Amino acid sequence: MKSRSKVAQFAADALLQQSIPRDELIMMLAAWLKDSKNSRQSNYLIQDIAKKLADSGYVYITVKSAYPLTDASRDAIVDFVQQQFTAKVTVEIDEIIVPKLIGGVQIDTPIGSLDATVKRKLIQIIKGVQR
């Protein structure tokens, strides 16, 4: 039985080398999770794969915002993320529009998150007033 770390490294290598089609790799990972009775660790496996990819110079991030990003905003986010890593990395952005955020952005990376949304700031103000 392979460890989650070894499976994550296998998946990261397969993605970087494009040696296995993504759909097939997903099925293999799902089968490993089921067979090893580790299905509750699926989120940890995803995080491990993302970290292994980042270590290899590829960072996948999720950016949530109320409105589509401008090219200038997208470039600033890529620059910000690249500064967080010691080596030069390729950044792929998955942009998700969430109108209830009102404004600002929430950035999720393999090493952490930044929530600079108007919704979060309003919640902080409300919590401060309620004390």
N, C-alpha and C. Protein backbone atom coordinates (compact mmCIF):
# COMPACT_ATOMS: atom_id res chain seq x y z
N MET A 1 0.85 -1.17 0.00
CA MET A 1 0.00 0.00 0.00
C MET A 1 0.89 1.24 0.00
N LYS A 2 0.66 2.13 -0.93
CA LYS A 2 1.46 3.34 -1.04
C LYS A 2 0.92 4.43 -0.13
N SER A 3 1.83 5.28 0.31
CA SER A 3 1.44 6.38 1.17
C SER A 3 0.78 7.49 0.33
N ARG A 4 0.04 8.35 1.02
CA ARG A 4 -0.61 9.47 0.33
C ARG A 4 0.44 10.36 -0.33
N SER A 5 1.56 10.54 0.33
CA SER A 5 2.64 11.37 -0.22
C SER A 5 3.18 10.80 -1.53
N LYS A 6 3.36 9.49 -1.57
CA LYS A 6 3.87 8.85 -2.80
C LYS A 6 2.84 8.92 -3.92
N VAL A 7 1.57 8.76 -3.58
CA VAL A 7 0.51 8.86 -4.58
C VAL A 7 0.44 10.28 -5.11
N ALA A 8 0.59 11.27 -4.22
CA ALA A 8 0.58 12.67 -4.64
C ALA A 8 1.74 12.96 -5.58
N GLN A 9 2.92 12.43 -5.26
CA GLN A 9 4.08 12.64 -6.14
C GLN A 9 3.86 11.99 -7.50
N PHE A 10 3.30 10.79 -7.50
CA PHE A 10 2.97 10.10 -8.75
C PHE A 10 2.01 10.95 -9.60
N ALA A 11 0.97 11.49 -8.96
CA ALA A 11 -0.02 12.28 -9.67
C ALA A 11 0.59 13.57 -10.21
N ALA A 12 1.41 14.24 -9.38
CA ALA A 12 2.06 15.47 -9.82
C ALA A 12 2.97 15.21 -11.02
N ASP A 13 3.76 14.14 -10.94
CA ASP A 13 4.64 13.79 -12.06
C ASP A 13 3.84 13.49 -13.32
N ALA A 14 2.74 12.76 -13.17
CA ALA A 14 1.91 12.42 -14.34
C ALA A 14 1.30 13.67 -14.96
N LEU A 15 0.90 14.62 -14.12
CA LEU A 15 0.33 15.87 -14.64
C LEU A 15 1.38 16.71 -15.34
N LEU A 16 2.56 16.83 -14.73
CA LEU A 16 3.63 17.64 -15.32
C LEU A 16 4.14 17.05 -16.63
N GLN A 17 4.25 15.73 -16.68
CA GLN A 17 4.77 15.06 -17.88
C GLN A 17 3.67 14.76 -18.88
N GLN A 18 2.43 14.97 -18.47
CA GLN A 18 1.26 14.66 -19.29
C GLN A 18 1.32 13.23 -19.81
N SER A 19 1.79 12.32 -18.94
CA SER A 19 1.96 10.92 -19.33
C SER A 19 0.67 10.12 -19.22
N ILE A 20 -0.28 10.63 -18.46
CA ILE A 20 -1.58 9.97 -18.30
C ILE A 20 -2.66 11.02 -18.52
N PRO A 21 -3.66 10.72 -19.34
CA PRO A 21 -4.75 11.69 -19.51
C PRO A 21 -5.38 12.05 -18.16
N ARG A 22 -5.75 13.32 -17.99
CA ARG A 22 -6.29 13.78 -16.70
C ARG A 22 -7.48 12.96 -16.23
N ASP A 23 -8.40 12.66 -17.12
CA ASP A 23 -9.58 11.88 -16.72
C ASP A 23 -9.18 10.50 -16.19
N GLU A 24 -8.22 9.89 -16.85
CA GLU A 24 -7.75 8.57 -16.42
C GLU A 24 -7.04 8.67 -15.07
N LEU A 25 -6.24 9.72 -14.89
CA LEU A 25 -5.54 9.92 -13.62
C LEU A 25 -6.53 10.12 -12.48
N ILE A 26 -7.57 10.89 -12.73
CA ILE A 26 -8.61 11.12 -11.71
C ILE A 26 -9.25 9.80 -11.30
N MET A 27 -9.54 8.96 -12.27
CA MET A 27 -10.14 7.65 -11.98
C MET A 27 -9.17 6.78 -11.16
N MET A 28 -7.88 6.85 -11.49
CA MET A 28 -6.89 6.07 -10.75
C MET A 28 -6.81 6.56 -9.30
N LEU A 29 -6.82 7.87 -9.11
CA LEU A 29 -6.74 8.42 -7.76
C LEU A 29 -7.99 8.07 -6.95
N ALA A 30 -9.15 8.14 -7.60
CA ALA A 30 -10.40 7.78 -6.92
C ALA A 30 -10.37 6.31 -6.52
N ALA A 31 -9.86 5.45 -7.39
CA ALA A 31 -9.77 4.02 -7.08
C ALA A 31 -8.82 3.79 -5.91
N TRP A 32 -7.68 4.51 -5.90
CA TRP A 32 -6.74 4.36 -4.78
C TRP A 32 -7.39 4.79 -3.46
N LEU A 33 -8.09 5.92 -3.49
CA LEU A 33 -8.77 6.40 -2.28
C LEU A 33 -9.77 5.37 -1.77
N LYS A 34 -10.52 4.78 -2.69
CA LYS A 34 -11.53 3.79 -2.31
C LYS A 34 -10.88 2.50 -1.81
N ASP A 35 -9.94 1.97 -2.58
CA ASP A 35 -9.31 0.70 -2.24
C ASP A 35 -8.53 0.76 -0.93
N SER A 36 -7.91 1.91 -0.67
CA SER A 36 -7.11 2.04 0.55
C SER A 36 -7.94 2.55 1.73
N LYS A 37 -9.25 2.70 1.47
CA LYS A 37 -10.18 3.19 2.49
C LYS A 37 -9.75 4.55 3.04
N ASN A 38 -9.27 5.40 2.12
CA ASN A 38 -8.82 6.74 2.47
C ASN A 38 -9.69 7.83 1.85
N SER A 39 -10.93 7.50 1.52
CA SER A 39 -11.77 8.48 0.81
C SER A 39 -11.97 9.76 1.61
N ARG A 40 -11.89 9.68 2.93
CA ARG A 40 -12.03 10.88 3.76
C ARG A 40 -10.81 11.79 3.65
N GLN A 41 -9.74 11.28 3.07
CA GLN A 41 -8.52 12.06 2.91
C GLN A 41 -8.40 12.68 1.53
N SER A 42 -9.47 12.69 0.77
CA SER A 42 -9.39 13.20 -0.61
C SER A 42 -8.93 14.65 -0.66
N ASN A 43 -9.43 15.50 0.27
CA ASN A 43 -8.99 16.90 0.27
C ASN A 43 -7.51 17.02 0.59
N TYR A 44 -7.02 16.17 1.49
CA TYR A 44 -5.59 16.19 1.81
C TYR A 44 -4.75 15.73 0.62
N LEU A 45 -5.25 14.75 -0.11
CA LEU A 45 -4.53 14.29 -1.29
C LEU A 45 -4.44 15.41 -2.33
N ILE A 46 -5.53 16.12 -2.52
CA ILE A 46 -5.54 17.24 -3.47
C ILE A 46 -4.53 18.30 -3.04
N GLN A 47 -4.50 18.62 -1.74
CA GLN A 47 -3.54 19.60 -1.23
C GLN A 47 -2.10 19.10 -1.42
N ASP A 48 -1.88 17.82 -1.18
CA ASP A 48 -0.54 17.26 -1.36
C ASP A 48 -0.09 17.35 -2.82
N ILE A 49 -1.00 17.04 -3.73
CA ILE A 49 -0.67 17.13 -5.16
C ILE A 49 -0.34 18.58 -5.53
N ALA A 50 -1.15 19.51 -5.05
CA ALA A 50 -0.91 20.93 -5.35
C ALA A 50 0.45 21.38 -4.82
N LYS A 51 0.82 20.92 -3.63
CA LYS A 51 2.13 21.28 -3.06
C LYS A 51 3.27 20.67 -3.87
N LYS A 52 3.10 19.43 -4.29
CA LYS A 52 4.14 18.77 -5.11
C LYS A 52 4.29 19.51 -6.45
N LEU A 53 3.17 19.93 -7.04
CA LEU A 53 3.24 20.69 -8.28
C LEU A 53 3.96 22.02 -8.06
N ALA A 54 3.64 22.70 -6.95
CA ALA A 54 4.28 23.97 -6.63
C ALA A 54 5.79 23.78 -6.45
N ASP A 55 6.18 22.69 -5.80
CA ASP A 55 7.60 22.40 -5.62
C ASP A 55 8.30 22.21 -6.96
N SER A 56 7.53 21.81 -7.97
CA SER A 56 8.08 21.59 -9.31
C SER A 56 7.93 22.81 -10.22
N GLY A 57 7.42 23.91 -9.65
CA GLY A 57 7.34 25.15 -10.42
C GLY A 57 6.01 25.43 -11.08
N TYR A 58 4.97 24.71 -10.70
CA TYR A 58 3.64 24.92 -11.28
C TYR A 58 2.66 25.16 -10.14
N VAL A 59 2.05 26.34 -10.13
CA VAL A 59 1.13 26.69 -9.05
C VAL A 59 -0.26 26.92 -9.64
N TYR A 60 -1.21 26.17 -9.11
CA TYR A 60 -2.61 26.30 -9.50
C TYR A 60 -3.31 27.07 -8.39
N ILE A 61 -3.93 28.20 -8.74
CA ILE A 61 -4.62 29.00 -7.74
C ILE A 61 -6.08 29.20 -8.14
N THR A 62 -6.88 29.45 -7.13
CA THR A 62 -8.28 29.78 -7.34
C THR A 62 -8.47 31.22 -6.89
N VAL A 63 -9.07 32.02 -7.78
CA VAL A 63 -9.35 33.41 -7.44
C VAL A 63 -10.85 33.61 -7.53
N LYS A 64 -11.44 33.99 -6.40
CA LYS A 64 -12.87 34.28 -6.36
C LYS A 64 -13.03 35.80 -6.30
N SER A 65 -13.94 36.32 -7.13
CA SER A 65 -14.20 37.75 -7.13
C SER A 65 -15.65 37.99 -7.54
N ALA A 66 -16.12 39.18 -7.24
CA ALA A 66 -17.51 39.52 -7.56
C ALA A 66 -17.68 39.78 -9.06
N TYR A 67 -16.60 40.21 -9.70
CA TYR A 67 -16.63 40.56 -11.12
C TYR A 67 -15.44 39.93 -11.83
N PRO A 68 -15.53 39.78 -13.16
CA PRO A 68 -14.38 39.24 -13.90
C PRO A 68 -13.14 40.10 -13.67
N LEU A 69 -11.98 39.45 -13.58
CA LEU A 69 -10.73 40.17 -13.39
C LEU A 69 -10.32 40.91 -14.65
N THR A 70 -9.74 42.07 -14.47
CA THR A 70 -9.15 42.78 -15.60
C THR A 70 -7.78 42.16 -15.86
N ASP A 71 -7.21 42.43 -17.02
CA ASP A 71 -5.86 41.92 -17.31
C ASP A 71 -4.85 42.45 -16.30
N ALA A 72 -5.00 43.72 -15.90
CA ALA A 72 -4.08 44.31 -14.92
C ALA A 72 -4.21 43.61 -13.56
N SER A 73 -5.43 43.31 -13.15
CA SER A 73 -5.65 42.61 -11.88
C SER A 73 -5.07 41.21 -11.95
N ARG A 74 -5.29 40.54 -13.04
CA ARG A 74 -4.77 39.17 -13.21
C ARG A 74 -3.24 39.18 -13.14
N ASP A 75 -2.61 40.15 -13.83
CA ASP A 75 -1.15 40.26 -13.80
C ASP A 75 -0.64 40.55 -12.39
N ALA A 76 -1.34 41.41 -11.65
CA ALA A 76 -0.94 41.74 -10.29
C ALA A 76 -1.05 40.52 -9.38
N ILE A 77 -2.08 39.73 -9.57
CA ILE A 77 -2.26 38.51 -8.77
C ILE A 77 -1.15 37.51 -9.08
N VAL A 78 -0.83 37.33 -10.35
CA VAL A 78 0.25 36.41 -10.73
C VAL A 78 1.57 36.89 -10.12
N ASP A 79 1.86 38.20 -10.19
CA ASP A 79 3.08 38.74 -9.60
C ASP A 79 3.11 38.48 -8.10
N PHE A 80 1.97 38.71 -7.42
CA PHE A 80 1.86 38.49 -5.98
C PHE A 80 2.15 37.03 -5.64
N VAL A 81 1.54 36.11 -6.37
CA VAL A 81 1.73 34.68 -6.10
C VAL A 81 3.17 34.28 -6.35
N GLN A 82 3.76 34.77 -7.44
CA GLN A 82 5.15 34.42 -7.75
C GLN A 82 6.10 34.91 -6.66
N GLN A 83 5.78 36.03 -6.02
CA GLN A 83 6.62 36.56 -4.94
C GLN A 83 6.57 35.67 -3.70
N GLN A 84 5.52 34.89 -3.56
CA GLN A 84 5.35 34.03 -2.38
C GLN A 84 6.20 32.77 -2.46
N PHE A 85 6.73 32.48 -3.64
CA PHE A 85 7.55 31.28 -3.84
C PHE A 85 9.00 31.71 -4.08
N THR A 86 9.94 30.88 -3.60
CA THR A 86 11.35 31.24 -3.72
C THR A 86 11.86 31.10 -5.15
N ALA A 87 11.29 30.20 -5.91
CA ALA A 87 11.71 29.99 -7.29
C ALA A 87 10.65 30.52 -8.25
N LYS A 88 11.03 30.74 -9.47
CA LYS A 88 10.09 31.18 -10.50
C LYS A 88 9.09 30.06 -10.76
N VAL A 89 7.82 30.40 -10.73
CA VAL A 89 6.78 29.40 -10.94
C VAL A 89 5.84 29.85 -12.05
N THR A 90 5.23 28.87 -12.68
CA THR A 90 4.16 29.11 -13.63
C THR A 90 2.86 29.09 -12.85
N VAL A 91 2.04 30.11 -13.05
CA VAL A 91 0.79 30.23 -12.30
C VAL A 91 -0.39 30.03 -13.24
N GLU A 92 -1.27 29.11 -12.86
CA GLU A 92 -2.53 28.91 -13.59
C GLU A 92 -3.65 29.37 -12.66
N ILE A 93 -4.52 30.22 -13.21
CA ILE A 93 -5.61 30.78 -12.42
C ILE A 93 -6.94 30.16 -12.82
N ASP A 94 -7.67 29.70 -11.81
CA ASP A 94 -9.06 29.29 -11.99
C ASP A 94 -9.89 30.42 -11.41
N GLU A 95 -10.54 31.18 -12.26
CA GLU A 95 -11.29 32.35 -11.83
C GLU A 95 -12.76 31.99 -11.63
N ILE A 96 -13.27 32.31 -10.44
CA ILE A 96 -14.66 32.01 -10.11
C ILE A 96 -15.35 33.31 -9.73
N ILE A 97 -16.48 33.57 -10.37
CA ILE A 97 -17.25 34.78 -10.09
C ILE A 97 -18.28 34.45 -9.00
N VAL A 98 -18.21 35.20 -7.89
CA VAL A 98 -19.12 35.02 -6.75
C VAL A 98 -19.69 36.39 -6.40
N PRO A 99 -20.84 36.76 -6.98
CA PRO A 99 -21.38 38.11 -6.77
C PRO A 99 -21.57 38.50 -5.30
N LYS A 100 -21.85 37.55 -4.42
CA LYS A 100 -22.09 37.89 -3.01
C LYS A 100 -20.83 38.38 -2.30
N LEU A 101 -19.66 38.30 -2.94
CA LEU A 101 -18.44 38.84 -2.34
C LEU A 101 -18.41 40.36 -2.39
N ILE A 102 -19.26 40.96 -3.19
CA ILE A 102 -19.44 42.40 -3.37
C ILE A 102 -18.28 43.04 -4.12
N GLY A 103 -17.07 42.78 -3.72
CA GLY A 103 -15.88 43.33 -4.37
C GLY A 103 -14.64 42.69 -3.77
N GLY A 104 -13.48 43.04 -4.31
CA GLY A 104 -12.22 42.46 -3.83
C GLY A 104 -12.01 41.06 -4.37
N VAL A 105 -11.01 40.38 -3.81
CA VAL A 105 -10.69 39.03 -4.26
C VAL A 105 -10.36 38.12 -3.09
N GLN A 106 -10.55 36.82 -3.32
CA GLN A 106 -10.09 35.78 -2.41
C GLN A 106 -9.19 34.89 -3.23
N ILE A 107 -7.94 34.73 -2.80
CA ILE A 107 -6.95 33.95 -3.53
C ILE A 107 -6.57 32.74 -2.69
N ASP A 108 -6.72 31.55 -3.26
CA ASP A 108 -6.34 30.30 -2.59
C ASP A 108 -5.18 29.67 -3.34
N THR A 109 -4.07 29.44 -2.65
CA THR A 109 -2.89 28.81 -3.23
C THR A 109 -2.55 27.56 -2.43
N PRO A 110 -1.60 26.75 -2.90
CA PRO A 110 -1.22 25.56 -2.13
C PRO A 110 -0.59 25.89 -0.78
N ILE A 111 -0.09 27.11 -0.61
CA ILE A 111 0.58 27.45 0.65
C ILE A 111 -0.23 28.36 1.55
N GLY A 112 -1.40 28.78 1.11
CA GLY A 112 -2.22 29.64 1.94
C GLY A 112 -3.28 30.39 1.16
N SER A 113 -4.02 31.23 1.89
CA SER A 113 -5.11 31.98 1.28
C SER A 113 -5.02 33.45 1.68
N LEU A 114 -5.58 34.29 0.83
CA LEU A 114 -5.70 35.72 1.10
C LEU A 114 -7.14 36.10 0.83
N ASP A 115 -7.82 36.61 1.84
CA ASP A 115 -9.20 37.05 1.66
C ASP A 115 -9.25 38.57 1.79
N ALA A 116 -9.30 39.24 0.65
CA ALA A 116 -9.36 40.70 0.61
C ALA A 116 -10.69 41.13 -0.03
N THR A 117 -11.76 40.45 0.39
CA THR A 117 -13.08 40.76 -0.18
C THR A 117 -13.80 41.80 0.68
N VAL A 118 -14.69 42.51 0.06
CA VAL A 118 -15.51 43.49 0.77
C VAL A 118 -16.39 42.77 1.79
N LYS A 119 -16.91 41.60 1.42
CA LYS A 119 -17.75 40.83 2.34
C LYS A 119 -17.00 40.54 3.65
N ARG A 120 -15.76 40.11 3.55
CA ARG A 120 -14.97 39.79 4.74
C ARG A 120 -14.75 41.04 5.59
N LYS A 121 -14.45 42.15 4.94
CA LYS A 121 -14.22 43.40 5.67
C LYS A 121 -15.48 43.86 6.39
N LEU A 122 -16.63 43.71 5.73
CA LEU A 122 -17.89 44.08 6.37
C LEU A 122 -18.18 43.19 7.58
N ILE A 123 -17.91 41.91 7.44
CA ILE A 123 -18.12 40.98 8.56
C ILE A 123 -17.22 41.36 9.74
N GLN A 124 -15.97 41.73 9.44
CA GLN A 124 -15.06 42.15 10.51
C GLN A 124 -15.58 43.40 11.22
N ILE A 125 -16.12 44.34 10.46
CA ILE A 125 -16.66 45.56 11.06
C ILE A 125 -17.83 45.23 11.95
N ILE A 126 -18.75 44.38 11.45
CA ILE A 126 -19.94 44.00 12.23
C ILE A 126 -19.52 43.28 13.51
N LYS A 127 -18.58 42.37 13.42
CA LYS A 127 -18.11 41.64 14.62
C LYS A 127 -17.49 42.60 15.61
N GLY A 128 -16.76 43.61 15.11
CA GLY A 128 -16.13 44.60 15.98
C GLY A 128 -17.16 45.44 16.73
N VAL A 129 -18.24 45.78 16.06
CA VAL A 129 -19.30 46.59 16.66
C VAL A 129 -20.06 45.78 17.70
N GLN A 130 -20.23 44.49 17.48
CA GLN A 130 -21.01 43.64 18.38
C GLN A 130 -20.30 43.33 19.67
N ARG A 131 -19.03 43.60 19.77
CA ARG A 131 -18.26 43.27 21.00
C ARG A 131 -18.56 44.19 22.11
